[in-house]
Amino acid sequence: MGRIHWMDKAKLRMFILVCEDEETGGFADRPGDMVDPFHTLFGVAGLSLLGDEQIKPANPVLCTPEDVLQRVNLQPDLLS
């Protein structure tokens, strides 16, 4: 969408990380809320798209690690 510059990447990364439940794992929609699979997927994908070096690069269309897509020979078409 060409609007990545509108985000404060450091603050977004910090918000995602404070939503993590360090005791049981996973991410919630807000700090202190119950973790769930959807927000865990989005949290991990978000950290990947923000360039977190501890997480594999994710495809922004399919929310899937790029190496998995390459292994199954699936590359989505991106609109320009």
PDB file of N, CA and C in Angstrom:
ATOM      1  N   MET A   1       0.817  -1.196   0.000  1.00  0.00           N
ATOM      2  CA  MET A   1       0.000   0.000   0.000  1.00  0.00           C
ATOM      3  C   MET A   1       0.860   1.259   0.000  1.00  0.00           C
ATOM      4  N   GLY A   2       2.144   1.096   0.197  1.00  0.00           N
ATOM      5  CA  GLY A   2       3.033   2.243   0.130  1.00  0.00           C
ATOM      6  C   GLY A   2       2.910   3.210   1.295  1.00  0.00           C
ATOM      7  N   ARG A   3       2.433   2.739   2.426  1.00  0.00           N
ATOM      8  CA  ARG A   3       2.249   3.640   3.576  1.00  0.00           C
ATOM      9  C   ARG A   3       2.992   3.180   4.823  1.00  0.00           C
ATOM     10  N   ILE A   4       3.975   2.320   4.625  1.00  0.00           N
ATOM     11  CA  ILE A   4       4.725   1.806   5.768  1.00  0.00           C
ATOM     12  C   ILE A   4       5.400   2.934   6.542  1.00  0.00           C
ATOM     13  N   HIS A   5       5.715   4.033   5.865  1.00  0.00           N
ATOM     14  CA  HIS A   5       6.377   5.162   6.523  1.00  0.00           C
ATOM     15  C   HIS A   5       5.450   5.869   7.514  1.00  0.00           C
ATOM     16  N   TRP A   6       4.156   5.578   7.480  1.00  0.00           N
ATOM     17  CA  TRP A   6       3.223   6.178   8.436  1.00  0.00           C
ATOM     18  C   TRP A   6       3.344   5.545   9.820  1.00  0.00           C
ATOM     19  N   MET A   7       3.949   4.373   9.905  1.00  0.00           N
ATOM     20  CA  MET A   7       4.028   3.649  11.174  1.00  0.00           C
ATOM     21  C   MET A   7       5.309   3.981  11.922  1.00  0.00           C
ATOM     22  N   ASP A   8       5.207   3.989  13.220  1.00  0.00           N
ATOM     23  CA  ASP A   8       6.387   4.063  14.072  1.00  0.00           C
ATOM     24  C   ASP A   8       6.748   2.618  14.390  1.00  0.00           C
ATOM     25  N   LYS A   9       7.714   2.086  13.668  1.00  0.00           N
ATOM     26  CA  LYS A   9       8.044   0.667  13.771  1.00  0.00           C
ATOM     27  C   LYS A   9       8.484   0.273  15.185  1.00  0.00           C
ATOM     28  N   ALA A  10       9.242   1.115  15.831  1.00  0.00           N
ATOM     29  CA  ALA A  10       9.725   0.794  17.179  1.00  0.00           C
ATOM     30  C   ALA A  10       8.560   0.696  18.163  1.00  0.00           C
ATOM     31  N   LYS A  11       7.601   1.627  18.065  1.00  0.00           N
ATOM     32  CA  LYS A  11       6.448   1.585  18.977  1.00  0.00           C
ATOM     33  C   LYS A  11       5.533   0.405  18.666  1.00  0.00           C
ATOM     34  N   LEU A  12       5.368   0.078  17.382  1.00  0.00           N
ATOM     35  CA  LEU A  12       4.545  -1.071  17.020  1.00  0.00           C
ATOM     36  C   LEU A  12       5.184  -2.358  17.531  1.00  0.00           C
ATOM     37  N   ARG A  13       6.492  -2.488  17.353  1.00  0.00           N
ATOM     38  CA  ARG A  13       7.195  -3.672  17.858  1.00  0.00           C
ATOM     39  C   ARG A  13       7.051  -3.775  19.381  1.00  0.00           C
ATOM     40  N   MET A  14       7.208  -2.649  20.073  1.00  0.00           N
ATOM     41  CA  MET A  14       7.072  -2.650  21.526  1.00  0.00           C
ATOM     42  C   MET A  14       5.659  -3.067  21.943  1.00  0.00           C
ATOM     43  N   PHE A  15       4.632  -2.551  21.243  1.00  0.00           N
ATOM     44  CA  PHE A  15       3.257  -2.912  21.566  1.00  0.00           C
ATOM     45  C   PHE A  15       3.027  -4.414  21.379  1.00  0.00           C
ATOM     46  N   ILE A  16       3.502  -4.954  20.262  1.00  0.00           N
ATOM     47  CA  ILE A  16       3.337  -6.389  20.026  1.00  0.00           C
ATOM     48  C   ILE A  16       3.982  -7.184  21.155  1.00  0.00           C
ATOM     49  N   LEU A  17       5.186  -6.796  21.541  1.00  0.00           N
ATOM     50  CA  LEU A  17       5.907  -7.544  22.572  1.00  0.00           C
ATOM     51  C   LEU A  17       5.258  -7.430  23.950  1.00  0.00           C
ATOM     52  N   VAL A  18       4.634  -6.311  24.280  1.00  0.00           N
ATOM     53  CA  VAL A  18       3.972  -6.224  25.588  1.00  0.00           C
ATOM     54  C   VAL A  18       2.666  -7.008  25.601  1.00  0.00           C
ATOM     55  N   CYS A  19       2.178  -7.408  24.437  1.00  0.00           N
ATOM     56  CA  CYS A  19       0.979  -8.254  24.355  1.00  0.00           C
ATOM     57  C   CYS A  19       1.322  -9.736  24.473  1.00  0.00           C
ATOM     58  N   GLU A  20       2.612 -10.052  24.539  1.00  0.00           N
ATOM     59  CA  GLU A  20       3.049 -11.445  24.652  1.00  0.00           C
ATOM     60  C   GLU A  20       2.871 -11.940  26.084  1.00  0.00           C
ATOM     61  N   ASP A  21       2.401 -13.166  26.224  1.00  0.00           N
ATOM     62  CA  ASP A  21       2.347 -13.815  27.526  1.00  0.00           C
ATOM     63  C   ASP A  21       3.630 -14.626  27.666  1.00  0.00           C
ATOM     64  N   GLU A  22       4.582 -14.089  28.396  1.00  0.00           N
ATOM     65  CA  GLU A  22       5.889 -14.732  28.513  1.00  0.00           C
ATOM     66  C   GLU A  22       5.825 -16.035  29.294  1.00  0.00           C
ATOM     67  N   GLU A  23       4.795 -16.210  30.099  1.00  0.00           N
ATOM     68  CA  GLU A  23       4.685 -17.421  30.913  1.00  0.00           C
ATOM     69  C   GLU A  23       4.151 -18.606  30.105  1.00  0.00           C
ATOM     70  N   THR A  24       3.104 -18.377  29.318  1.00  0.00           N
ATOM     71  CA  THR A  24       2.487 -19.484  28.581  1.00  0.00           C
ATOM     72  C   THR A  24       2.740 -19.421  27.087  1.00  0.00           C
ATOM     73  N   GLY A  25       3.237 -18.280  26.600  1.00  0.00           N
ATOM     74  CA  GLY A  25       3.463 -18.105  25.171  1.00  0.00           C
ATOM     75  C   GLY A  25       2.245 -17.538  24.489  1.00  0.00           C
ATOM     76  N   GLY A  26       2.430 -17.032  23.316  1.00  0.00           N
ATOM     77  CA  GLY A  26       1.329 -16.472  22.540  1.00  0.00           C
ATOM     78  C   GLY A  26       1.172 -14.983  22.755  1.00  0.00           C
ATOM     79  N   PHE A  27       0.299 -14.402  21.917  1.00  0.00           N
ATOM     80  CA  PHE A  27       0.036 -12.972  21.958  1.00  0.00           C
ATOM     81  C   PHE A  27      -1.450 -12.713  22.116  1.00  0.00           C
ATOM     82  N   ALA A  28      -1.779 -11.619  22.792  1.00  0.00           N
ATOM     83  CA  ALA A  28      -3.160 -11.172  22.964  1.00  0.00           C
ATOM     84  C   ALA A  28      -3.387  -9.919  22.123  1.00  0.00           C
ATOM     85  N   ASP A  29      -4.640  -9.477  22.065  1.00  0.00           N
ATOM     86  CA  ASP A  29      -4.928  -8.251  21.320  1.00  0.00           C
ATOM     87  C   ASP A  29      -4.503  -7.010  22.081  1.00  0.00           C
ATOM     88  N   ARG A  30      -4.419  -7.116  23.410  1.00  0.00           N
ATOM     89  CA  ARG A  30      -3.991  -6.004  24.256  1.00  0.00           C
ATOM     90  C   ARG A  30      -3.170  -6.562  25.411  1.00  0.00           C
ATOM     91  N   PRO A  31      -2.295  -5.748  25.979  1.00  0.00           N
ATOM     92  CA  PRO A  31      -1.524  -6.215  27.133  1.00  0.00           C
ATOM     93  C   PRO A  31      -2.445  -6.675  28.263  1.00  0.00           C
ATOM     94  N   GLY A  32      -2.148  -7.846  28.811  1.00  0.00           N
ATOM     95  CA  GLY A  32      -2.910  -8.364  29.934  1.00  0.00           C
ATOM     96  C   GLY A  32      -4.130  -9.177  29.553  1.00  0.00           C
ATOM     97  N   ASP A  33      -4.557  -9.160  28.290  1.00  0.00           N
ATOM     98  CA  ASP A  33      -5.702  -9.965  27.858  1.00  0.00           C
ATOM     99  C   ASP A  33      -5.255 -11.402  27.597  1.00  0.00           C
ATOM    100  N   MET A  34      -6.237 -12.268  27.379  1.00  0.00           N
ATOM    101  CA  MET A  34      -5.977 -13.672  27.114  1.00  0.00           C
ATOM    102  C   MET A  34      -5.374 -13.843  25.718  1.00  0.00           C
ATOM    103  N   VAL A  35      -4.326 -14.645  25.627  1.00  0.00           N
ATOM    104  CA  VAL A  35      -3.728 -14.922  24.319  1.00  0.00           C
ATOM    105  C   VAL A  35      -4.664 -15.800  23.507  1.00  0.00           C
ATOM    106  N   ASP A  36      -4.542 -15.730  22.190  1.00  0.00           N
ATOM    107  CA  ASP A  36      -5.340 -16.574  21.315  1.00  0.00           C
ATOM    108  C   ASP A  36      -4.551 -16.860  20.042  1.00  0.00           C
ATOM    109  N   PRO A  37      -4.934 -17.889  19.308  1.00  0.00           N
ATOM    110  CA  PRO A  37      -4.172 -18.268  18.109  1.00  0.00           C
ATOM    111  C   PRO A  37      -4.122 -17.175  17.040  1.00  0.00           C
ATOM    112  N   PHE A  38      -5.216 -16.446  16.848  1.00  0.00           N
ATOM    113  CA  PHE A  38      -5.254 -15.423  15.802  1.00  0.00           C
ATOM    114  C   PHE A  38      -4.255 -14.306  16.076  1.00  0.00           C
ATOM    115  N   HIS A  39      -4.266 -13.771  17.301  1.00  0.00           N
ATOM    116  CA  HIS A  39      -3.358 -12.677  17.621  1.00  0.00           C
ATOM    117  C   HIS A  39      -1.915 -13.162  17.727  1.00  0.00           C
ATOM    118  N   THR A  40      -1.726 -14.435  18.065  1.00  0.00           N
ATOM    119  CA  THR A  40      -0.386 -14.992  18.063  1.00  0.00           C
ATOM    120  C   THR A  40       0.152 -15.038  16.638  1.00  0.00           C
ATOM    121  N   LEU A  41      -0.661 -15.505  15.701  1.00  0.00           N
ATOM    122  CA  LEU A  41      -0.250 -15.522  14.298  1.00  0.00           C
ATOM    123  C   LEU A  41       0.065 -14.107  13.810  1.00  0.00           C
ATOM    124  N   PHE A  42      -0.834 -13.167  14.088  1.00  0.00           N
ATOM    125  CA  PHE A  42      -0.629 -11.792  13.629  1.00  0.00           C
ATOM    126  C   PHE A  42       0.567 -11.145  14.320  1.00  0.00           C
ATOM    127  N   GLY A  43       0.779 -11.454  15.594  1.00  0.00           N
ATOM    128  CA  GLY A  43       1.924 -10.896  16.313  1.00  0.00           C
ATOM    129  C   GLY A  43       3.242 -11.376  15.740  1.00  0.00           C
ATOM    130  N   VAL A  44       3.343 -12.679  15.497  1.00  0.00           N
ATOM    131  CA  VAL A  44       4.569 -13.238  14.934  1.00  0.00           C
ATOM    132  C   VAL A  44       4.783 -12.705  13.515  1.00  0.00           C
ATOM    133  N   ALA A  45       3.726 -12.678  12.711  1.00  0.00           N
ATOM    134  CA  ALA A  45       3.844 -12.159  11.338  1.00  0.00           C
ATOM    135  C   ALA A  45       4.233 -10.685  11.353  1.00  0.00           C
ATOM    136  N   GLY A  46       3.632  -9.922  12.264  1.00  0.00           N
ATOM    137  CA  GLY A  46       3.957  -8.503  12.365  1.00  0.00           C
ATOM    138  C   GLY A  46       5.419  -8.276  12.718  1.00  0.00           C
ATOM    139  N   LEU A  47       5.921  -9.051  13.671  1.00  0.00           N
ATOM    140  CA  LEU A  47       7.338  -8.927  14.034  1.00  0.00           C
ATOM    141  C   LEU A  47       8.229  -9.289  12.851  1.00  0.00           C
ATOM    142  N   SER A  48       7.824 -10.303  12.102  1.00  0.00           N
ATOM    143  CA  SER A  48       8.596 -10.677  10.918  1.00  0.00           C
ATOM    144  C   SER A  48       8.600  -9.554   9.893  1.00  0.00           C
ATOM    145  N   LEU A  49       7.441  -8.992   9.615  1.00  0.00           N
ATOM    146  CA  LEU A  49       7.349  -7.924   8.622  1.00  0.00           C
ATOM    147  C   LEU A  49       8.071  -6.655   9.070  1.00  0.00           C
ATOM    148  N   LEU A  50       8.231  -6.496  10.382  1.00  0.00           N
ATOM    149  CA  LEU A  50       8.989  -5.362  10.904  1.00  0.00           C
ATOM    150  C   LEU A  50      10.491  -5.618  10.872  1.00  0.00           C
ATOM    151  N   GLY A  51      10.882  -6.825  10.450  1.00  0.00           N
ATOM    152  CA  GLY A  51      12.297  -7.124  10.297  1.00  0.00           C
ATOM    153  C   GLY A  51      12.972  -7.750  11.500  1.00  0.00           C
ATOM    154  N   ASP A  52      12.195  -8.308  12.430  1.00  0.00           N
ATOM    155  CA  ASP A  52      12.787  -8.959  13.598  1.00  0.00           C
ATOM    156  C   ASP A  52      13.671 -10.109  13.128  1.00  0.00           C
ATOM    157  N   GLU A  53      14.934 -10.086  13.505  1.00  0.00           N
ATOM    158  CA  GLU A  53      15.896 -11.073  13.015  1.00  0.00           C
ATOM    159  C   GLU A  53      15.720 -12.451  13.636  1.00  0.00           C
ATOM    160  N   GLN A  54      14.938 -12.562  14.709  1.00  0.00           N
ATOM    161  CA  GLN A  54      14.727 -13.856  15.366  1.00  0.00           C
ATOM    162  C   GLN A  54      13.582 -14.639  14.723  1.00  0.00           C
ATOM    163  N   ILE A  55      12.893 -14.024  13.770  1.00  0.00           N
ATOM    164  CA  ILE A  55      11.730 -14.650  13.143  1.00  0.00           C
ATOM    165  C   ILE A  55      11.967 -14.719  11.643  1.00  0.00           C
ATOM    166  N   LYS A  56      11.592 -15.845  11.048  1.00  0.00           N
ATOM    167  CA  LYS A  56      11.755 -16.016   9.602  1.00  0.00           C
ATOM    168  C   LYS A  56      10.939 -14.969   8.855  1.00  0.00           C
ATOM    169  N   PRO A  57      11.412 -14.551   7.682  1.00  0.00           N
ATOM    170  CA  PRO A  57      10.641 -13.606   6.864  1.00  0.00           C
ATOM    171  C   PRO A  57       9.278 -14.206   6.478  1.00  0.00           C
ATOM    172  N   ALA A  58       8.230 -13.395   6.600  1.00  0.00           N
ATOM    173  CA  ALA A  58       6.876 -13.844   6.278  1.00  0.00           C
ATOM    174  C   ALA A  58       6.378 -13.149   5.022  1.00  0.00           C
ATOM    175  N   ASN A  59       5.562 -13.857   4.271  1.00  0.00           N
ATOM    176  CA  ASN A  59       4.919 -13.283   3.100  1.00  0.00           C
ATOM    177  C   ASN A  59       3.737 -12.443   3.582  1.00  0.00           C
ATOM    178  N   PRO A  60       3.647 -11.167   3.192  1.00  0.00           N
ATOM    179  CA  PRO A  60       2.576 -10.296   3.695  1.00  0.00           C
ATOM    180  C   PRO A  60       1.193 -10.635   3.154  1.00  0.00           C
ATOM    181  N   VAL A  61       1.120 -11.370   2.058  1.00  0.00           N
ATOM    182  CA  VAL A  61      -0.179 -11.732   1.488  1.00  0.00           C
ATOM    183  C   VAL A  61      -0.758 -12.956   2.187  1.00  0.00           C
ATOM    184  N   LEU A  62       0.058 -13.984   2.355  1.00  0.00           N
ATOM    185  CA  LEU A  62      -0.426 -15.248   2.907  1.00  0.00           C
ATOM    186  C   LEU A  62      -0.104 -15.439   4.385  1.00  0.00           C
ATOM    187  N   CYS A  63       0.647 -14.503   4.974  1.00  0.00           N
ATOM    188  CA  CYS A  63       0.981 -14.580   6.398  1.00  0.00           C
ATOM    189  C   CYS A  63       1.633 -15.931   6.712  1.00  0.00           C
ATOM    190  N   THR A  64       2.564 -16.303   5.841  1.00  0.00           N
ATOM    191  CA  THR A  64       3.230 -17.596   5.913  1.00  0.00           C
ATOM    192  C   THR A  64       4.726 -17.380   5.705  1.00  0.00           C
ATOM    193  N   PRO A  65       5.560 -18.154   6.387  1.00  0.00           N
ATOM    194  CA  PRO A  65       7.000 -17.994   6.164  1.00  0.00           C
ATOM    195  C   PRO A  65       7.365 -18.195   4.692  1.00  0.00           C
ATOM    196  N   GLU A  66       8.229 -17.326   4.192  1.00  0.00           N
ATOM    197  CA  GLU A  66       8.646 -17.380   2.791  1.00  0.00           C
ATOM    198  C   GLU A  66       9.280 -18.718   2.436  1.00  0.00           C
ATOM    199  N   ASP A  67      10.061 -19.309   3.361  1.00  0.00           N
ATOM    200  CA  ASP A  67      10.714 -20.580   3.034  1.00  0.00           C
ATOM    201  C   ASP A  67       9.704 -21.705   2.835  1.00  0.00           C
ATOM    202  N   VAL A  68       8.585 -21.644   3.532  1.00  0.00           N
ATOM    203  CA  VAL A  68       7.537 -22.645   3.339  1.00  0.00           C
ATOM    204  C   VAL A  68       6.913 -22.487   1.954  1.00  0.00           C
ATOM    205  N   LEU A  69       6.634 -21.245   1.564  1.00  0.00           N
ATOM    206  CA  LEU A  69       6.060 -21.006   0.237  1.00  0.00           C
ATOM    207  C   LEU A  69       6.998 -21.456  -0.863  1.00  0.00           C
ATOM    208  N   GLN A  70       8.286 -21.223  -0.681  1.00  0.00           N
ATOM    209  CA  GLN A  70       9.266 -21.668  -1.682  1.00  0.00           C
ATOM    210  C   GLN A  70       9.327 -23.187  -1.739  1.00  0.00           C
ATOM    211  N   ARG A  71       9.264 -23.834  -0.587  1.00  0.00           N
ATOM    212  CA  ARG A  71       9.340 -25.297  -0.534  1.00  0.00           C
ATOM    213  C   ARG A  71       8.175 -25.948  -1.261  1.00  0.00           C
ATOM    214  N   VAL A  72       6.977 -25.339  -1.175  1.00  0.00           N
ATOM    215  CA  VAL A  72       5.807 -25.908  -1.848  1.00  0.00           C
ATOM    216  C   VAL A  72       5.572 -25.248  -3.210  1.00  0.00           C
ATOM    217  N   ASN A  73       6.527 -24.418  -3.620  1.00  0.00           N
ATOM    218  CA  ASN A  73       6.489 -23.747  -4.930  1.00  0.00           C
ATOM    219  C   ASN A  73       5.215 -22.916  -5.120  1.00  0.00           C
ATOM    220  N   LEU A  74       4.917 -22.086  -4.130  1.00  0.00           N
ATOM    221  CA  LEU A  74       3.744 -21.220  -4.187  1.00  0.00           C
ATOM    222  C   LEU A  74       4.191 -19.777  -4.007  1.00  0.00           C
ATOM    223  N   GLN A  75       3.992 -18.959  -5.004  1.00  0.00           N
ATOM    224  CA  GLN A  75       4.335 -17.541  -4.943  1.00  0.00           C
ATOM    225  C   GLN A  75       3.115 -16.738  -5.381  1.00  0.00           C
ATOM    226  N   PRO A  76       2.468 -16.055  -4.445  1.00  0.00           N
ATOM    227  CA  PRO A  76       1.274 -15.265  -4.807  1.00  0.00           C
ATOM    228  C   PRO A  76       1.640 -14.053  -5.668  1.00  0.00           C
ATOM    229  N   ASP A  77       0.725 -13.648  -6.484  1.00  0.00           N
ATOM    230  CA  ASP A  77       0.900 -12.434  -7.290  1.00  0.00           C
ATOM    231  C   ASP A  77       0.603 -11.223  -6.417  1.00  0.00           C
ATOM    232  N   LEU A  78       1.495 -10.246  -6.432  1.00  0.00           N
ATOM    233  CA  LEU A  78       1.295  -9.016  -5.683  1.00  0.00           C
ATOM    234  C   LEU A  78       0.768  -7.947  -6.630  1.00  0.00           C
ATOM    235  N   LEU A  79      -0.247  -7.243  -6.191  1.00  0.00           N
ATOM    236  CA  LEU A  79      -0.759  -6.139  -6.981  1.00  0.00           C
ATOM    237  C   LEU A  79       0.158  -4.936  -6.821  1.00  0.00           C
ATOM    238  N   SER A  80       0.304  -4.169  -7.859  1.00  0.00           N
ATOM    239  CA  SER A  80       1.163  -2.999  -7.744  1.00  0.00           C
ATOM    240  C   SER A  80       0.343  -1.723  -7.758  1.00  0.00           C
TER     241      SER A  80
END
